[in-house]
N, C-alpha and C. Protein backbone atom coordinates (compact mmCIF):
# COMPACT_ATOMS: atom_id res chain seq x y z
N MET A 1 1.20 -1.11 -0.13
CA MET A 1 -0.25 -0.08 -0.08
C MET A 1 0.92 1.10 -0.21
N GLU A 2 1.83 1.35 0.62
CA GLU A 2 2.44 2.60 1.03
C GLU A 2 3.46 2.52 -0.76
N MET A 3 3.75 1.58 -2.04
CA MET A 3 4.56 1.40 -3.00
C MET A 3 3.29 2.23 -3.83
N ILE A 4 2.01 2.16 -3.03
CA ILE A 4 1.11 2.11 -4.57
C ILE A 4 0.37 4.56 -4.14
N LEU A 5 0.31 4.18 -2.20
CA LEU A 5 0.04 5.90 -1.78
C LEU A 5 2.09 7.04 -3.39
N HIS A 6 3.03 6.21 -2.30
CA HIS A 6 4.20 6.64 -3.18
C HIS A 6 3.94 7.00 -5.23
N ASP A 7 3.69 6.10 -5.26
CA ASP A 7 2.87 6.53 -6.95
C ASP A 7 1.76 7.79 -7.48
N ILE A 8 0.51 7.40 -6.33
CA ILE A 8 -0.18 8.13 -6.83
C ILE A 8 0.39 10.39 -5.46
N ARG A 9 0.95 9.77 -5.05
CA ARG A 9 1.61 11.07 -4.94
C ARG A 9 2.25 11.95 -6.10
N VAL A 10 3.21 10.31 -6.55
CA VAL A 10 4.67 11.14 -7.98
C VAL A 10 3.90 11.13 -8.71
N ASN A 11 2.99 10.62 -9.89
CA ASN A 11 2.65 10.35 -11.04
C ASN A 11 0.73 10.52 -11.61
N LEU A 12 0.07 10.63 -10.38
CA LEU A 12 -1.36 11.12 -9.57
C LEU A 12 -1.80 10.26 -11.08
N LEU A 13 -3.27 9.81 -10.06
CA LEU A 13 -4.12 8.70 -11.32
C LEU A 13 -4.95 9.20 -12.00
N GLY A 14 -4.66 9.26 -12.96
CA GLY A 14 -5.78 10.27 -13.69
C GLY A 14 -7.52 9.32 -13.48
N VAL A 15 -7.72 9.20 -12.21
CA VAL A 15 -8.99 8.52 -11.26
C VAL A 15 -8.57 8.94 -9.98
N ASP A 16 -10.81 9.24 -9.64
CA ASP A 16 -10.28 9.02 -8.35
C ASP A 16 -10.20 8.28 -7.36
N GLY A 17 -9.91 7.92 -6.80
CA GLY A 17 -10.09 7.27 -5.33
C GLY A 17 -8.69 6.41 -5.56
N ILE A 18 -8.83 5.56 -4.42
CA ILE A 18 -7.58 4.33 -4.71
C ILE A 18 -7.89 3.30 -4.46
N PRO A 19 -7.07 2.03 -5.81
CA PRO A 19 -7.76 0.69 -6.49
C PRO A 19 -7.67 0.28 -4.77
N GLN A 20 -8.27 -0.90 -4.99
CA GLN A 20 -8.69 -1.56 -3.84
C GLN A 20 -7.00 -3.16 -3.82
N VAL A 21 -7.19 -3.16 -3.25
CA VAL A 21 -5.78 -4.09 -3.21
C VAL A 21 -6.10 -5.56 -2.54
N THR A 22 -6.38 -7.01 -2.53
CA THR A 22 -7.01 -8.89 -3.24
C THR A 22 -5.80 -8.96 -2.80
N VAL A 23 -4.94 -9.72 -2.27
CA VAL A 23 -3.44 -10.87 -2.18
C VAL A 23 -3.87 -11.84 -1.35
N GLU A 24 -3.94 -12.73 -3.10
CA GLU A 24 -3.96 -14.31 -2.54
C GLU A 24 -3.05 -15.35 -2.84
N ALA A 25 -2.87 -16.11 -1.82
CA ALA A 25 -1.97 -17.37 -1.71
C ALA A 25 -2.00 -17.91 -3.21
N GLU A 26 -1.43 -18.24 -4.02
CA GLU A 26 -1.44 -19.11 -4.78
C GLU A 26 -1.17 -20.25 -4.60
N ASP A 27 0.28 -20.87 -4.42
CA ASP A 27 0.70 -21.75 -4.02
C ASP A 27 1.82 -21.57 -2.98
N ASP A 28 2.38 -22.25 -2.45
CA ASP A 28 3.96 -22.15 -1.60
C ASP A 28 4.64 -20.73 -1.19
N HIS A 29 4.56 -20.69 -1.98
CA HIS A 29 6.24 -20.01 -3.76
C HIS A 29 5.62 -19.08 -4.04
N ALA A 30 4.26 -18.71 -4.31
CA ALA A 30 3.89 -17.12 -5.39
C ALA A 30 2.13 -16.43 -4.21
N PHE A 31 2.19 -15.61 -4.78
CA PHE A 31 1.32 -14.75 -4.27
C PHE A 31 0.76 -13.70 -5.24
N SER A 32 -0.60 -13.64 -5.76
CA SER A 32 -1.00 -13.20 -6.22
C SER A 32 -1.62 -11.42 -6.25
N ILE A 33 -1.43 -10.53 -6.91
CA ILE A 33 -1.98 -9.19 -6.08
C ILE A 33 -2.69 -8.74 -7.44
N ILE A 34 -3.71 -8.38 -6.52
CA ILE A 34 -5.21 -8.02 -7.92
C ILE A 34 -4.73 -6.29 -7.23
N LEU A 35 -5.37 -5.53 -8.44
CA LEU A 35 -5.68 -4.08 -7.78
C LEU A 35 -7.30 -3.86 -8.86
N SER A 36 -8.13 -3.52 -8.11
CA SER A 36 -8.83 -3.20 -8.45
C SER A 36 -9.69 -2.05 -8.45
N TRP A 37 -11.06 -2.19 -9.37
CA TRP A 37 -11.43 -0.41 -8.27
C TRP A 37 -12.86 -0.95 -7.97
N HIS A 38 -13.05 -0.43 -7.10
CA HIS A 38 -14.56 -0.27 -6.27
C HIS A 38 -14.86 -2.28 -5.31
N GLY A 39 -13.94 -2.87 -6.30
CA GLY A 39 -14.41 -4.42 -6.87
C GLY A 39 -14.61 -4.94 -7.72
N SER A 40 -14.79 -4.30 -9.43
CA SER A 40 -14.91 -4.08 -9.84
C SER A 40 -14.57 -5.32 -10.94
N ASP A 41 -15.11 -6.54 -11.15
CA ASP A 41 -14.02 -7.28 -11.85
C ASP A 41 -13.80 -7.60 -12.71
N ASP A 42 -14.62 -6.38 -13.66
CA ASP A 42 -14.62 -6.75 -14.54
C ASP A 42 -13.12 -4.77 -15.37
N ILE A 43 -12.95 -3.89 -14.56
CA ILE A 43 -11.50 -3.30 -14.67
C ILE A 43 -10.93 -4.23 -12.69
N SER A 44 -10.12 -4.47 -13.41
CA SER A 44 -8.46 -5.35 -12.18
C SER A 44 -7.36 -5.39 -13.55
N GLU A 45 -6.13 -5.92 -12.04
CA GLU A 45 -5.41 -5.57 -12.95
C GLU A 45 -4.23 -6.62 -11.97
N LYS A 46 -3.65 -8.10 -12.57
CA LYS A 46 -3.11 -9.12 -11.27
C LYS A 46 -1.27 -8.63 -11.45
N PHE A 47 -0.79 -9.28 -11.09
CA PHE A 47 0.92 -10.15 -11.56
C PHE A 47 0.73 -10.76 -9.86
N THR A 48 2.67 -10.87 -10.66
CA THR A 48 2.46 -11.98 -8.66
C THR A 48 3.80 -12.10 -8.01
N ILE A 49 3.90 -12.21 -7.16
CA ILE A 49 5.25 -11.98 -6.44
C ILE A 49 4.86 -13.07 -6.06
N SER A 50 7.04 -14.11 -5.67
CA SER A 50 7.10 -14.43 -5.02
C SER A 50 6.61 -15.14 -3.97
N SER A 51 7.01 -15.18 -2.38
CA SER A 51 6.77 -15.73 -1.13
C SER A 51 7.73 -14.67 -0.48
N ALA A 52 9.34 -15.17 -1.43
CA ALA A 52 10.83 -15.17 -0.56
C ALA A 52 10.40 -13.27 -0.65
N ARG A 53 9.55 -13.48 -2.56
CA ARG A 53 10.28 -11.15 -2.82
C ARG A 53 9.45 -10.78 -1.23
N ALA A 54 7.71 -11.52 -0.83
CA ALA A 54 6.52 -10.56 0.09
C ALA A 54 7.26 -10.58 0.73
N LYS A 55 8.38 -12.52 1.83
CA LYS A 55 8.47 -11.24 2.93
C LYS A 55 9.93 -10.26 3.44
N VAL A 56 10.43 -10.07 2.28
CA VAL A 56 11.33 -9.22 1.69
C VAL A 56 10.69 -8.00 1.82
N ILE A 57 9.93 -7.23 1.77
CA ILE A 57 8.81 -6.69 1.10
C ILE A 57 7.87 -6.78 2.81
N ALA A 58 7.32 -7.34 3.12
CA ALA A 58 7.02 -6.76 4.69
C ALA A 58 8.19 -6.78 5.58
N ARG A 59 9.43 -7.51 5.66
CA ARG A 59 10.37 -7.10 6.16
C ARG A 59 10.73 -5.84 6.56
N ASN A 60 10.63 -4.90 4.87
CA ASN A 60 11.29 -3.72 4.72
C ASN A 60 10.70 -2.46 4.96
N PHE A 61 9.08 -2.81 5.44
CA PHE A 61 8.47 -2.10 5.53
C PHE A 61 7.95 -2.27 7.35
N LYS A 62 8.13 -3.07 8.14
CA LYS A 62 8.58 -2.71 9.41
C LYS A 62 9.32 -2.34 9.98
N THR A 63 10.53 -2.58 9.00
CA THR A 63 11.89 -1.84 10.04
C THR A 63 12.03 -0.21 8.77
N ASN A 64 10.57 0.76 8.11
CA ASN A 64 10.14 1.55 7.85
C ASN A 64 12.02 1.55 6.62
N LYS A 65 12.21 0.98 6.21
CA LYS A 65 12.88 0.32 4.77
C LYS A 65 13.06 0.92 3.76
N PRO A 66 13.68 1.69 3.03
CA PRO A 66 12.82 1.92 1.64
C PRO A 66 12.62 0.65 0.76
N PHE A 67 11.46 0.99 -0.42
CA PHE A 67 10.50 -0.19 -0.99
C PHE A 67 11.99 -0.92 -2.13
N ASP A 68 11.67 -1.53 -2.64
CA ASP A 68 12.45 -1.43 -3.92
C ASP A 68 12.50 -1.34 -4.56
N ARG A 69 12.96 -0.70 -5.85
CA ARG A 69 12.73 -0.39 -6.79
C ARG A 69 11.87 -0.64 -8.08
N GLU A 70 12.25 -2.43 -8.08
CA GLU A 70 12.45 -3.83 -9.07
C GLU A 70 11.00 -4.14 -8.64
N GLU A 71 10.24 -3.57 -7.11
CA GLU A 71 9.29 -3.71 -7.04
C GLU A 71 7.84 -3.53 -6.98
N PHE A 72 8.52 -1.73 -6.48
CA PHE A 72 7.48 -0.43 -7.76
C PHE A 72 7.41 -0.05 -8.80
N ASP A 73 8.09 -1.10 -9.70
CA ASP A 73 8.46 -0.94 -11.21
C ASP A 73 7.56 -2.24 -11.11
N GLN A 74 6.85 -2.87 -10.77
CA GLN A 74 6.34 -3.94 -11.52
C GLN A 74 5.00 -3.04 -11.06
N LEU A 75 4.97 -2.32 -9.42
CA LEU A 75 3.57 -1.70 -9.13
C LEU A 75 3.07 -0.92 -10.25
N GLN A 76 3.86 -0.02 -10.15
CA GLN A 76 3.61 1.56 -10.88
C GLN A 76 2.82 1.05 -12.39
N ALA A 77 3.59 -0.02 -13.65
CA ALA A 77 3.06 -0.56 -13.89
C ALA A 77 1.28 -1.80 -14.47
N ALA A 78 1.75 -1.95 -13.82
CA ALA A 78 -0.32 -1.95 -13.11
C ALA A 78 -0.83 -1.57 -12.41
N LEU A 79 -0.77 -0.46 -11.74
CA LEU A 79 -1.61 0.69 -11.91
C LEU A 79 -2.10 2.00 -13.25
N ALA A 80 -1.11 1.52 -14.80
CA ALA A 80 -0.91 2.32 -15.34
C ALA A 80 -1.80 1.49 -15.56
N ALA A 81 -1.64 0.47 -16.24
CA ALA A 81 -2.63 -0.81 -17.32
C ALA A 81 -3.95 -0.34 -16.28
N LEU A 82 -4.48 -0.50 -14.77
CA LEU A 82 -5.72 -0.40 -14.03
C LEU A 82 -5.98 0.84 -14.96
N GLU A 83 -5.39 2.65 -14.58
CA GLU A 83 -5.76 3.76 -15.30
C GLU A 83 -6.41 3.27 -17.07
N GLN A 84 -5.81 2.33 -17.14
CA GLN A 84 -5.68 2.23 -19.12
C GLN A 84 -7.13 1.69 -18.81
N GLN A 85 -7.40 1.21 -18.34
CA GLN A 85 -9.16 -0.14 -18.01
C GLN A 85 -9.91 0.89 -17.81
N TYR A 86 -9.83 2.06 -16.52
CA TYR A 86 -10.98 2.38 -16.31
C TYR A 86 -11.27 3.49 -17.28
N ASN A 87 -10.11 3.89 -18.29
CA ASN A 87 -10.30 5.23 -18.68
C ASN A 87 -11.36 4.68 -20.26
N ASN A 88 -11.05 3.59 -20.25
CA ASN A 88 -11.38 2.90 -21.37
C ASN A 88 -12.67 3.01 -21.50
N LYS A 89 -13.38 2.41 -20.06
CA LYS A 89 -14.63 2.35 -20.11
C LYS A 89 -15.04 3.45 -20.29
N ALA A 90 -14.43 4.60 -19.07
CA ALA A 90 -15.58 5.49 -19.28
C ALA A 90 -15.54 6.37 -20.50
N SER A 91 -15.07 6.41 -21.38
CA SER A 91 -14.94 6.99 -22.94
C SER A 91 -16.25 6.03 -23.72
N ARG A 92 -16.56 4.88 -23.09
CA ARG A 92 -17.63 4.06 -23.91
C ARG A 92 -18.24 5.14 -24.72
């Protein structure tokens, strides 16, 4: 969530609100991160992170260490894709 708020502050989303974040365990080795608007099933973006990376992200967050640029870039790409879906649907 910290990375989402940072991206919104820096890049300003072209939509109102903050995306809903859902985390689902895919298996013992990975998590799916699903971003959506207001629980919408038709406007969502999904990406996957390994369990090992998730543990590092959580540890860094708890100890106030800066987030990793690679994870931020992955999240930023997902947010941009989500915004594009939202704008495409709004223009119909």
